[in-house]
């Protein structure tokens, strides 16, 4: 299984089967300095602003229209599929700053951002609400598009990735049966229940 696209150097002899899509949500605390200053409930940042934030070229919410407060960038660890998708979508070849607070799970990032009004992080869209606490974090808009399943499907919101099964050659036997179940209506219902986007 892979939560990122394979590199060309990895593809030889392998078959890729896309099973679902996942949106990448950029999350902030409900009391983020931009929200506190503007009195609004929504925040929109451009891809260029996000790149500058994660490269530590923009280091204060004041530069984004908020109250004066240092930005705490939060990231997945190196090698994470979530981080890889973020780097491909946003960073444009720049590196995420070594000053980023890193975690090994999306849930841990959500919990950290939920406890720090100065923080910004990225997680799977399906985890934004999380355990019956829909207001713990807010998913911001990126380049004017809200982070919604509808916008991911119609291509308006571009921060997304695919989930893959990868087999050596065409799948056979139990592997083929398992993939068939995952791609069935029952399998799709299970994935949709976890916040994934299935066709």
Protein backbone atom coordinates (compact mmCIF):
# COMPACT_ATOMS: atom_id res chain seq x y z
CA UNK A 1 0.00 0.00 0.00
CA UNK A 2 1.18 3.52 -0.71
CA UNK A 3 -0.19 6.91 0.30
CA UNK A 4 1.92 8.71 -2.31
CA UNK A 5 2.52 8.38 -6.03
CA UNK A 6 5.39 6.11 -6.95
CA UNK A 7 8.50 7.68 -8.40
CA UNK A 8 9.45 6.63 -11.91
CA UNK A 9 12.49 4.85 -10.50
CA UNK A 10 10.19 2.69 -8.32
CA UNK A 11 7.69 1.57 -10.96
CA UNK A 12 9.54 -1.16 -12.83
CA UNK A 13 7.59 -4.44 -12.76
CA UNK A 14 4.88 -3.01 -10.50
CA UNK A 15 1.16 -2.53 -11.08
CA UNK A 16 -0.52 0.47 -9.42
CA UNK A 17 -4.19 0.30 -8.49
CA UNK A 18 -5.78 3.52 -7.21
CA UNK A 19 -8.33 2.76 -4.51
CA UNK A 20 -9.23 6.22 -3.17
CA UNK A 21 -8.32 9.88 -3.00
CA UNK A 22 -7.58 11.93 0.09
CA UNK A 23 -7.66 15.67 0.53
CA UNK A 24 -4.85 17.41 2.39
CA UNK A 25 -6.31 19.97 4.77
CA UNK A 26 -4.26 22.90 6.04
CA UNK A 27 -5.43 23.36 9.62
CA UNK A 28 -5.30 26.14 12.19
CA UNK A 29 -6.69 26.74 15.67
CA UNK A 30 -10.13 28.44 15.93
CA UNK A 31 -8.40 31.28 17.81
CA UNK A 32 -5.71 31.76 15.16
CA UNK A 33 -4.23 35.31 15.18
CA UNK A 34 -5.74 36.08 11.74
CA UNK A 35 -9.21 35.09 12.93
CA UNK A 36 -8.76 37.03 16.17
CA UNK A 37 -7.78 40.19 14.31
CA UNK A 38 -10.33 40.06 11.50
CA UNK A 39 -13.20 38.69 13.56
CA UNK A 40 -13.96 36.27 10.75
CA UNK A 41 -14.31 32.50 10.76
CA UNK A 42 -12.47 31.68 7.53
CA UNK A 43 -8.85 32.07 6.48
CA UNK A 44 -7.55 31.87 2.93
CA UNK A 45 -3.86 31.51 2.09
CA UNK A 46 -2.23 31.13 -1.29
CA UNK A 47 0.08 28.28 -2.24
CA UNK A 48 2.91 30.82 -2.35
CA UNK A 49 2.16 31.97 1.20
CA UNK A 50 2.09 28.39 2.46
CA UNK A 51 5.41 27.69 0.76
CA UNK A 52 6.92 30.76 2.42
CA UNK A 53 5.50 29.77 5.81
CA UNK A 54 6.93 26.25 5.68
CA UNK A 55 10.27 27.49 4.35
CA UNK A 56 10.32 29.99 7.27
CA UNK A 57 10.34 33.01 4.98
CA UNK A 58 7.13 34.21 6.65
CA UNK A 59 7.45 33.71 10.39
CA UNK A 60 4.72 35.87 11.94
CA UNK A 61 0.94 35.88 11.54
CA UNK A 62 1.14 39.68 11.42
CA UNK A 63 2.48 39.38 7.85
CA UNK A 64 -0.70 37.53 6.85
CA UNK A 65 -3.17 40.03 8.26
CA UNK A 66 -3.28 38.70 11.80
CA UNK A 67 -2.20 39.85 15.23
CA UNK A 68 1.52 39.81 15.98
CA UNK A 69 2.36 36.22 16.90
CA UNK A 70 5.06 33.85 15.71
CA UNK A 71 3.97 31.04 13.40
CA UNK A 72 4.58 27.49 14.63
CA UNK A 73 4.82 25.17 11.62
CA UNK A 74 3.81 21.57 12.18
CA UNK A 75 4.65 18.73 9.80
CA UNK A 76 4.71 14.99 9.39
CA UNK A 77 8.07 13.27 9.65
CA UNK A 78 10.41 12.79 6.67
CA UNK A 79 9.31 9.81 4.57
CA UNK A 80 5.62 10.23 5.41
CA UNK A 81 3.21 9.95 2.47
CA UNK A 82 1.25 12.92 3.81
CA UNK A 83 4.41 15.02 3.93
CA UNK A 84 5.43 13.86 0.45
CA UNK A 85 2.07 14.93 -0.98
CA UNK A 86 2.34 18.32 0.74
CA UNK A 87 5.86 18.85 -0.56
CA UNK A 88 4.80 17.96 -4.12
CA UNK A 89 1.69 20.16 -4.00
CA UNK A 90 3.08 23.18 -2.16
CA UNK A 91 6.81 23.36 -1.63
CA UNK A 92 7.95 23.57 -5.28
CA UNK A 93 11.40 22.13 -4.56
CA UNK A 94 11.93 24.13 -1.35
CA UNK A 95 12.55 22.29 1.89
CA UNK A 96 10.29 22.34 4.92
CA UNK A 97 12.21 24.18 7.61
CA UNK A 98 14.10 22.08 10.15
CA UNK A 99 12.36 24.23 12.79
CA UNK A 100 9.05 22.50 12.07
CA UNK A 101 7.49 20.55 14.93
CA UNK A 102 7.15 17.02 13.53
CA UNK A 103 4.82 14.17 14.43
CA UNK A 104 4.45 10.62 13.16
CA UNK A 105 0.67 10.71 12.76
CA UNK A 106 -2.01 13.02 11.41
CA UNK A 107 -3.97 12.66 14.64
CA UNK A 108 -1.03 13.95 16.66
CA UNK A 109 -0.76 17.00 14.38
CA UNK A 110 -4.48 17.70 14.78
CA UNK A 111 -4.18 17.48 18.56
CA UNK A 112 -1.15 19.78 18.65
CA UNK A 113 -2.76 22.43 16.45
CA UNK A 114 -5.97 22.15 18.53
CA UNK A 115 -3.90 23.20 21.55
CA UNK A 116 -1.80 25.97 19.99
CA UNK A 117 -3.44 29.08 18.43
CA UNK A 118 -0.15 30.02 16.68
CA UNK A 119 0.25 26.65 14.92
CA UNK A 120 -0.45 25.59 11.34
CA UNK A 121 -0.34 22.00 10.12
CA UNK A 122 -1.54 19.64 7.40
CA UNK A 123 -3.54 16.43 7.79
CA UNK A 124 -5.95 14.20 5.89
CA UNK A 125 -9.22 16.02 5.25
CA UNK A 126 -11.23 13.20 6.84
CA UNK A 127 -9.53 13.82 10.19
CA UNK A 128 -10.37 17.51 10.50
CA UNK A 129 -13.51 16.90 12.57
CA UNK A 130 -12.08 14.02 14.54
CA UNK A 131 -13.81 12.17 17.37
CA UNK A 132 -16.86 14.37 17.60
CA UNK A 133 -14.93 17.62 18.05
CA UNK A 134 -15.64 19.52 14.79
CA UNK A 135 -14.47 22.88 16.17
CA UNK A 136 -11.08 21.77 17.53
CA UNK A 137 -9.33 22.82 14.32
CA UNK A 138 -10.34 24.70 11.17
CA UNK A 139 -9.43 23.73 7.61
CA UNK A 140 -8.47 26.90 5.75
CA UNK A 141 -9.10 27.69 2.08
CA UNK A 142 -6.13 27.49 -0.28
CA UNK A 143 -5.96 29.71 -3.37
CA UNK A 144 -9.58 30.68 -2.75
CA UNK A 145 -10.95 27.12 -2.65
CA UNK A 146 -12.42 25.56 0.48
CA UNK A 147 -11.14 22.16 1.58
CA UNK A 148 -14.23 20.08 0.82
CA UNK A 149 -14.81 16.71 -0.81
CA UNK A 150 -16.88 18.41 -3.51
CA UNK A 151 -14.01 20.76 -4.40
CA UNK A 152 -11.53 17.89 -4.49
CA UNK A 153 -13.74 15.92 -6.88
CA UNK A 154 -14.35 18.91 -9.17
CA UNK A 155 -10.67 19.89 -9.14
CA UNK A 156 -11.11 23.32 -7.50
CA UNK A 157 -9.15 22.32 -4.39
CA UNK A 158 -5.84 20.95 -5.59
CA UNK A 159 -4.23 19.63 -2.41
CA UNK A 160 -4.94 15.94 -2.74
CA UNK A 161 -3.25 12.58 -3.12
CA UNK A 162 -4.15 9.09 -4.19
CA UNK A 163 -4.04 5.90 -2.13
CA UNK A 164 -2.68 2.90 -4.01
CA UNK A 165 -2.33 -0.84 -3.86
CA UNK A 166 0.92 -1.82 -5.55
CA UNK A 167 1.56 -5.38 -6.73
CA UNK A 168 4.49 -7.11 -8.37
CA UNK A 169 2.88 -7.98 -11.69
CA UNK A 170 -0.87 -8.39 -12.07
CA UNK A 171 -2.52 -9.38 -8.77
CA UNK A 172 -3.51 -13.04 -8.39
CA UNK A 173 -5.12 -15.33 -5.84
CA UNK A 174 -5.93 -13.89 -2.42
CA UNK A 175 -4.36 -10.53 -3.28
CA UNK A 176 -6.72 -10.20 -6.27
CA UNK A 177 -9.70 -11.21 -4.12
CA UNK A 178 -8.79 -8.69 -1.42
CA UNK A 179 -8.39 -5.87 -3.93
CA UNK A 180 -11.72 -6.86 -5.47
CA UNK A 181 -13.39 -6.55 -2.05
CA UNK A 182 -11.81 -3.14 -1.39
CA UNK A 183 -13.08 -1.91 -4.76
CA UNK A 184 -16.57 -3.35 -4.19
CA UNK A 185 -19.49 -1.29 -2.90
CA UNK A 186 -18.95 -2.70 0.60
CA UNK A 187 -15.27 -1.79 0.49
CA UNK A 188 -16.00 1.70 -0.80
CA UNK A 189 -18.49 2.25 2.02
CA UNK A 190 -15.80 1.36 4.57
CA UNK A 191 -13.29 3.76 2.98
CA UNK A 192 -15.87 6.55 2.71
CA UNK A 193 -16.61 6.03 6.41
CA UNK A 194 -12.95 6.79 7.12
CA UNK A 195 -13.16 10.08 5.25
CA UNK A 196 -11.62 8.90 1.97
CA UNK A 197 -13.02 9.89 -1.42
CA UNK A 198 -14.05 6.94 -3.57
CA UNK A 199 -15.49 6.80 -7.07
